[in-house]
């Protein structure tokens, strides 16, 4: 089975998380991790599991103004660099090219400040909503990975991302199993969890 991990990253944190999620998925999937610009319709169509993530800006997915603001912030702060893929398209634009799915499996993640989601918002909620709108079946609830006030991933988040990827692989494999393997088809499918 094939998994495609698509990320948008401004300061590199979401890129790092995506790589670790991909590593966690690799036990059960042939995995490709790519920035938004590398996720063309053919790559998406060839995936059994689509995992999409981006940074949280202004309580949700990035926008053209928030991406410009992040680039300006990086230009003013010598300790804060832009991800090499930051100049590419954002997830909002990419979703317009995605097209409908035939109920393929998907998952959503984000990176956000280490504060209650009520205050920071979560890009992953908007990503999950767009995936559902396009016909994807989410294997679990959206997940957030946290950064500190200096825009660095908190300790342990890389390992947590790898573990989440491994958990996604288990959930996706269980959902993809034919009903007849359960001995009669009367057993309900597993409930996606965290």
Foldseek 3Di string as FASTA:
>chain_A
DAEEEEEAFWQCPRVLLSVLLQLLQVVQHDYDYYYLVVCAQVNVQPHLEYEYEYAFDPQAFDDVVRLVVSCVVQVVDVVTHTDPCSVDDGPVVSLVRHAADQAREYAYEYEWAPDPCVVRHGHRVVVVVSNVVRRYDYLEHYYYFYDYPVRHGDPPSSVVSSNVSNLVNVSSVQVPDDCVVVPPNPDDGDRRYD
